C-alpha cells in the first residue's frame, strides 16, 4: 500500500507527517485491498486547516473524505472517521452480494412412500 502525504500553501513538519502516516496505515485493518492512500493538507487558512483523504481500492472507485478543524490532527481524526465508515460500507456491499456456497445449502430429504 502506497501512502502519500502532501501540503498546500505551507509545509508540514516531519513529526506531523510521521503521526499522519501512523494513523493512516491503520486503515488497512478495515479492508485489505487498499492500493493507495493520498492525504492532502490545505494550510491556506492557518486558523482552520482542511484535510482530505483519498483511498484507492482494487476494482472500485476511490473513496474521498475531507474535514476542516482548528488543528491538523483534529481534522485528520474527523476525516479518518468518515473514511472508515465508507470503507466499512464498501466492504459490506461486496460481501452481501455473494451467494452462499453450495455445500452449505440444505438438500431436501425425500421420504419413501409407505407401503400398505
N, C-alpha and C. Protein backbone atom coordinates (compact mmCIF):
# COMPACT_ATOMS: atom_id res chain seq x y z
N UNK A 1 0.85 -1.18 0.00
CA UNK A 1 0.00 0.00 0.00
C UNK A 1 0.89 1.24 0.00
N UNK A 2 0.59 2.14 -0.89
CA UNK A 2 1.37 3.36 -1.04
C UNK A 2 0.68 4.50 -0.32
N UNK A 3 1.44 5.26 0.47
CA UNK A 3 0.88 6.40 1.22
C UNK A 3 1.64 7.66 0.82
N UNK A 4 0.90 8.67 0.36
CA UNK A 4 1.48 9.97 0.01
C UNK A 4 0.86 11.04 0.89
N UNK A 5 1.69 11.88 1.45
CA UNK A 5 1.23 12.99 2.28
C UNK A 5 1.76 14.27 1.65
N UNK A 6 0.85 15.20 1.35
CA UNK A 6 1.27 16.46 0.75
C UNK A 6 0.57 17.62 1.44
N UNK A 7 1.16 18.80 1.27
CA UNK A 7 0.61 20.01 1.88
C UNK A 7 0.49 21.09 0.82
N UNK A 8 -0.59 21.86 0.91
CA UNK A 8 -0.78 23.01 0.04
C UNK A 8 -0.64 24.27 0.89
N UNK A 9 -0.06 25.29 0.33
CA UNK A 9 0.06 26.60 0.98
C UNK A 9 0.82 26.54 2.30
N UNK A 10 1.79 25.67 2.40
CA UNK A 10 2.58 25.58 3.62
C UNK A 10 3.39 24.30 3.65
N UNK A 11 3.95 24.04 4.80
CA UNK A 11 4.82 22.88 4.97
C UNK A 11 4.46 22.16 6.27
N UNK A 12 4.47 20.83 6.23
CA UNK A 12 4.23 20.03 7.43
C UNK A 12 5.57 19.57 7.99
N UNK A 13 5.70 19.59 9.29
CA UNK A 13 6.94 19.12 9.91
C UNK A 13 7.05 17.61 9.75
N UNK A 14 8.25 17.10 9.91
CA UNK A 14 8.50 15.66 9.76
C UNK A 14 7.74 14.87 10.82
N UNK A 15 7.65 15.40 12.03
CA UNK A 15 6.94 14.68 13.09
C UNK A 15 5.44 14.61 12.79
N UNK A 16 4.88 15.68 12.24
CA UNK A 16 3.46 15.68 11.88
C UNK A 16 3.20 14.67 10.76
N UNK A 17 4.09 14.63 9.79
CA UNK A 17 3.95 13.67 8.70
C UNK A 17 4.02 12.23 9.21
N UNK A 18 4.90 11.98 10.16
CA UNK A 18 5.02 10.63 10.73
C UNK A 18 3.75 10.24 11.49
N UNK A 19 3.21 11.18 12.26
CA UNK A 19 1.97 10.87 13.01
C UNK A 19 0.81 10.62 12.05
N UNK A 20 0.73 11.40 10.98
CA UNK A 20 -0.31 11.19 9.98
C UNK A 20 -0.14 9.81 9.34
N UNK A 21 1.08 9.46 8.99
CA UNK A 21 1.35 8.16 8.36
C UNK A 21 0.97 7.00 9.30
N UNK A 22 1.31 7.12 10.57
CA UNK A 22 0.98 6.07 11.54
C UNK A 22 -0.54 5.86 11.63
N UNK A 23 -1.28 6.95 11.67
CA UNK A 23 -2.74 6.84 11.79
C UNK A 23 -3.37 6.30 10.51
N UNK A 24 -2.86 6.73 9.37
CA UNK A 24 -3.45 6.33 8.09
C UNK A 24 -3.15 4.86 7.78
N UNK A 25 -2.00 4.36 8.22
CA UNK A 25 -1.65 2.97 7.99
C UNK A 25 -2.66 2.01 8.62
N UNK A 26 -3.35 2.44 9.65
CA UNK A 26 -4.31 1.59 10.35
C UNK A 26 -5.56 1.32 9.51
N UNK A 27 -5.76 2.06 8.42
CA UNK A 27 -6.93 1.84 7.57
C UNK A 27 -6.91 0.45 6.93
N UNK A 28 -5.74 -0.12 6.78
CA UNK A 28 -5.66 -1.45 6.16
C UNK A 28 -6.30 -2.53 7.03
N UNK A 29 -6.57 -2.22 8.30
CA UNK A 29 -7.27 -3.18 9.17
C UNK A 29 -8.70 -3.40 8.71
N UNK A 30 -9.31 -2.39 8.12
CA UNK A 30 -10.71 -2.47 7.75
C UNK A 30 -10.94 -3.20 6.43
N UNK A 31 -9.97 -3.09 5.50
CA UNK A 31 -10.11 -3.73 4.20
C UNK A 31 -8.72 -3.95 3.63
N UNK A 32 -8.42 -5.17 3.24
CA UNK A 32 -7.05 -5.48 2.83
C UNK A 32 -6.74 -5.17 1.37
N UNK A 33 -7.71 -4.72 0.60
CA UNK A 33 -7.48 -4.44 -0.81
C UNK A 33 -7.26 -2.95 -1.11
N UNK A 34 -6.74 -2.23 -0.15
CA UNK A 34 -6.40 -0.82 -0.37
C UNK A 34 -5.09 -0.77 -1.15
N UNK A 35 -5.04 0.04 -2.20
CA UNK A 35 -3.83 0.12 -3.01
C UNK A 35 -3.03 1.39 -2.74
N UNK A 36 -3.71 2.50 -2.49
CA UNK A 36 -3.00 3.76 -2.26
C UNK A 36 -3.85 4.69 -1.40
N UNK A 37 -3.15 5.49 -0.61
CA UNK A 37 -3.81 6.50 0.23
C UNK A 37 -3.09 7.82 -0.01
N UNK A 38 -3.87 8.85 -0.33
CA UNK A 38 -3.31 10.18 -0.56
C UNK A 38 -3.92 11.12 0.47
N UNK A 39 -3.06 11.73 1.27
CA UNK A 39 -3.51 12.69 2.29
C UNK A 39 -3.03 14.07 1.86
N UNK A 40 -3.98 15.01 1.73
CA UNK A 40 -3.64 16.37 1.33
C UNK A 40 -4.10 17.33 2.42
N UNK A 41 -3.15 18.10 2.95
CA UNK A 41 -3.45 19.08 3.99
C UNK A 41 -3.39 20.46 3.36
N UNK A 42 -4.47 21.22 3.48
CA UNK A 42 -4.54 22.57 2.92
C UNK A 42 -4.36 23.56 4.07
N UNK A 43 -3.25 24.27 4.05
CA UNK A 43 -2.92 25.21 5.12
C UNK A 43 -3.16 26.66 4.70
N UNK A 44 -4.04 26.87 3.74
CA UNK A 44 -4.31 28.23 3.28
C UNK A 44 -4.87 29.08 4.43
N UNK A 45 -5.81 28.53 5.16
CA UNK A 45 -6.36 29.22 6.33
C UNK A 45 -5.72 28.60 7.56
N UNK A 46 -4.73 29.24 8.10
CA UNK A 46 -3.95 28.69 9.23
C UNK A 46 -4.81 28.41 10.46
N UNK A 47 -5.84 29.22 10.68
CA UNK A 47 -6.67 29.03 11.88
C UNK A 47 -7.60 27.82 11.75
N UNK A 48 -7.86 27.36 10.53
CA UNK A 48 -8.71 26.18 10.34
C UNK A 48 -8.24 25.40 9.11
N UNK A 49 -7.19 24.60 9.28
CA UNK A 49 -6.69 23.82 8.14
C UNK A 49 -7.69 22.74 7.74
N UNK A 50 -7.71 22.41 6.46
CA UNK A 50 -8.58 21.33 5.98
C UNK A 50 -7.70 20.17 5.53
N UNK A 51 -8.26 18.98 5.63
CA UNK A 51 -7.51 17.78 5.30
C UNK A 51 -8.41 16.87 4.46
N UNK A 52 -7.84 16.30 3.42
CA UNK A 52 -8.59 15.39 2.55
C UNK A 52 -7.85 14.07 2.46
N UNK A 53 -8.59 12.97 2.55
CA UNK A 53 -8.03 11.63 2.40
C UNK A 53 -8.69 10.98 1.20
N UNK A 54 -7.88 10.49 0.28
CA UNK A 54 -8.37 9.78 -0.90
C UNK A 54 -7.79 8.37 -0.86
N UNK A 55 -8.67 7.36 -0.83
CA UNK A 55 -8.26 5.96 -0.73
C UNK A 55 -8.61 5.25 -2.02
N UNK A 56 -7.62 4.62 -2.65
CA UNK A 56 -7.85 3.83 -3.85
C UNK A 56 -7.99 2.37 -3.46
N UNK A 57 -9.02 1.73 -4.02
CA UNK A 57 -9.31 0.33 -3.71
C UNK A 57 -9.31 -0.45 -5.02
N UNK A 58 -8.82 -1.70 -4.97
CA UNK A 58 -8.82 -2.55 -6.15
C UNK A 58 -10.23 -2.71 -6.70
N UNK A 59 -10.38 -2.56 -7.99
CA UNK A 59 -11.64 -2.80 -8.70
C UNK A 59 -12.79 -1.94 -8.20
N UNK A 60 -12.51 -0.74 -7.75
CA UNK A 60 -13.56 0.17 -7.26
C UNK A 60 -13.10 1.61 -7.45
N UNK A 61 -14.05 2.51 -7.36
CA UNK A 61 -13.72 3.93 -7.43
C UNK A 61 -13.08 4.38 -6.13
N UNK A 62 -12.35 5.47 -6.18
CA UNK A 62 -11.68 5.99 -5.00
C UNK A 62 -12.69 6.53 -4.00
N UNK A 63 -12.39 6.36 -2.73
CA UNK A 63 -13.20 6.90 -1.65
C UNK A 63 -12.54 8.19 -1.18
N UNK A 64 -13.34 9.22 -0.90
CA UNK A 64 -12.81 10.52 -0.51
C UNK A 64 -13.53 11.00 0.73
N UNK A 65 -12.74 11.53 1.69
CA UNK A 65 -13.30 12.14 2.89
C UNK A 65 -12.49 13.39 3.20
N UNK A 66 -13.18 14.44 3.61
CA UNK A 66 -12.50 15.70 3.95
C UNK A 66 -13.07 16.23 5.25
N UNK A 67 -12.23 16.98 5.97
CA UNK A 67 -12.67 17.59 7.21
C UNK A 67 -11.87 18.85 7.44
N UNK A 68 -12.46 19.79 8.16
CA UNK A 68 -11.81 21.05 8.48
C UNK A 68 -11.97 21.27 9.97
N UNK A 69 -10.88 21.64 10.63
CA UNK A 69 -10.92 21.81 12.08
C UNK A 69 -9.90 22.86 12.50
N UNK A 70 -9.82 23.11 13.80
CA UNK A 70 -8.90 24.12 14.31
C UNK A 70 -7.46 23.62 14.31
N UNK A 71 -7.26 22.30 14.21
CA UNK A 71 -5.94 21.70 14.28
C UNK A 71 -5.82 20.65 13.17
N UNK A 72 -4.63 20.42 12.67
CA UNK A 72 -4.41 19.43 11.61
C UNK A 72 -4.77 18.03 12.11
N UNK A 73 -4.36 17.69 13.32
CA UNK A 73 -4.63 16.34 13.84
C UNK A 73 -6.12 16.13 14.12
N UNK A 74 -6.81 17.18 14.53
CA UNK A 74 -8.26 17.07 14.74
C UNK A 74 -8.97 16.86 13.40
N UNK A 75 -8.52 17.56 12.36
CA UNK A 75 -9.08 17.37 11.04
C UNK A 75 -8.79 15.96 10.53
N UNK A 76 -7.60 15.44 10.84
CA UNK A 76 -7.25 14.08 10.45
C UNK A 76 -8.17 13.07 11.12
N UNK A 77 -8.42 13.25 12.41
CA UNK A 77 -9.30 12.33 13.12
C UNK A 77 -10.71 12.34 12.53
N UNK A 78 -11.23 13.50 12.21
CA UNK A 78 -12.55 13.60 11.62
C UNK A 78 -12.62 12.95 10.25
N UNK A 79 -11.61 13.20 9.41
CA UNK A 79 -11.58 12.60 8.07
C UNK A 79 -11.38 11.09 8.15
N UNK A 80 -10.57 10.63 9.10
CA UNK A 80 -10.37 9.19 9.26
C UNK A 80 -11.67 8.50 9.64
N UNK A 81 -12.43 9.12 10.52
CA UNK A 81 -13.71 8.54 10.93
C UNK A 81 -14.63 8.40 9.71
N UNK A 82 -14.67 9.44 8.89
CA UNK A 82 -15.53 9.41 7.70
C UNK A 82 -15.09 8.33 6.72
N UNK A 83 -13.79 8.23 6.49
CA UNK A 83 -13.29 7.26 5.50
C UNK A 83 -13.44 5.83 6.02
N UNK A 84 -13.30 5.63 7.34
CA UNK A 84 -13.53 4.30 7.92
C UNK A 84 -14.96 3.85 7.66
N UNK A 85 -15.91 4.74 7.83
CA UNK A 85 -17.31 4.41 7.58
C UNK A 85 -17.52 4.04 6.11
N UNK A 86 -16.90 4.79 5.21
CA UNK A 86 -17.04 4.50 3.78
C UNK A 86 -16.43 3.15 3.43
N UNK A 87 -15.27 2.84 4.01
CA UNK A 87 -14.61 1.55 3.74
C UNK A 87 -15.48 0.41 4.27
N UNK A 88 -16.02 0.57 5.46
CA UNK A 88 -16.89 -0.48 6.01
C UNK A 88 -18.11 -0.69 5.13
N UNK A 89 -18.73 0.40 4.68
CA UNK A 89 -19.90 0.32 3.82
C UNK A 89 -19.56 -0.39 2.51
N UNK A 90 -18.40 -0.05 1.94
CA UNK A 90 -17.96 -0.67 0.69
C UNK A 90 -17.73 -2.17 0.89
N UNK A 91 -17.10 -2.54 1.98
CA UNK A 91 -16.83 -3.95 2.26
C UNK A 91 -18.13 -4.71 2.48
N UNK A 92 -19.08 -4.11 3.20
CA UNK A 92 -20.36 -4.76 3.43
C UNK A 92 -21.10 -4.99 2.12
N UNK A 93 -21.06 -4.03 1.22
CA UNK A 93 -21.72 -4.19 -0.07
C UNK A 93 -21.12 -5.36 -0.86
N UNK A 94 -19.82 -5.47 -0.81
CA UNK A 94 -19.15 -6.55 -1.55
C UNK A 94 -19.49 -7.91 -0.97
N UNK A 95 -19.52 -8.03 0.35
CA UNK A 95 -19.77 -9.33 0.96
C UNK A 95 -21.24 -9.70 0.94
N UNK A 96 -22.16 -8.74 0.95
CA UNK A 96 -23.59 -9.03 0.92
C UNK A 96 -24.03 -9.59 -0.42
N UNK A 97 -23.36 -9.28 -1.49
CA UNK A 97 -23.77 -9.71 -2.82
C UNK A 97 -23.32 -11.13 -3.15
N UNK A 98 -22.49 -11.70 -2.33
CA UNK A 98 -22.02 -13.06 -2.60
C UNK A 98 -23.13 -14.06 -2.33
N UNK A 99 -23.15 -15.09 -3.13
CA UNK A 99 -24.11 -16.16 -2.92
C UNK A 99 -23.53 -17.11 -1.87
N UNK A 100 -24.39 -17.75 -1.10
CA UNK A 100 -23.86 -18.71 -0.13
C UNK A 100 -23.25 -19.90 -0.86
N UNK A 101 -22.20 -20.48 -0.33
CA UNK A 101 -21.58 -21.62 -1.00
C UNK A 101 -22.56 -22.79 -1.09
N UNK A 102 -22.46 -23.53 -2.16
CA UNK A 102 -23.42 -24.60 -2.40
C UNK A 102 -23.32 -25.73 -1.39
N UNK A 103 -22.15 -25.93 -0.78
CA UNK A 103 -22.02 -27.02 0.19
C UNK A 103 -22.79 -26.74 1.48
N UNK A 104 -23.20 -25.49 1.70
CA UNK A 104 -23.95 -25.16 2.90
C UNK A 104 -25.46 -25.12 2.67
N UNK A 105 -25.87 -25.34 1.44
CA UNK A 105 -27.29 -25.35 1.15
C UNK A 105 -27.88 -26.69 1.62
N UNK A 106 -29.05 -26.63 2.18
CA UNK A 106 -29.70 -27.85 2.65
C UNK A 106 -30.41 -28.53 1.49
N UNK A 107 -30.21 -29.82 1.39
CA UNK A 107 -30.86 -30.60 0.35
C UNK A 107 -32.13 -31.19 0.96
N UNK A 108 -33.26 -31.01 0.28
CA UNK A 108 -34.49 -31.56 0.85
C UNK A 108 -34.43 -33.10 0.88
N UNK A 109 -34.86 -33.66 1.98
CA UNK A 109 -34.83 -35.10 2.17
C UNK A 109 -36.14 -35.68 1.61
N UNK A 110 -35.98 -36.62 0.69
CA UNK A 110 -37.16 -37.24 0.11
C UNK A 110 -37.53 -38.47 0.95
N UNK A 111 -38.78 -38.57 1.25
CA UNK A 111 -39.23 -39.74 2.01
C UNK A 111 -39.88 -40.72 1.08
N UNK A 112 -39.68 -41.99 1.37
CA UNK A 112 -40.26 -43.03 0.54
C UNK A 112 -41.73 -43.21 0.94
N UNK A 113 -42.58 -43.46 -0.03
CA UNK A 113 -43.97 -43.67 0.30
C UNK A 113 -44.12 -44.98 1.11
N UNK A 114 -44.95 -44.89 2.10
CA UNK A 114 -45.13 -46.05 2.96
C UNK A 114 -45.94 -47.12 2.26
N UNK A 115 -45.53 -48.36 2.42
CA UNK A 115 -46.24 -49.48 1.79
C UNK A 115 -47.39 -49.90 2.70
N UNK A 116 -48.53 -50.19 2.09
CA UNK A 116 -49.68 -50.58 2.87
C UNK A 116 -49.89 -52.04 2.87
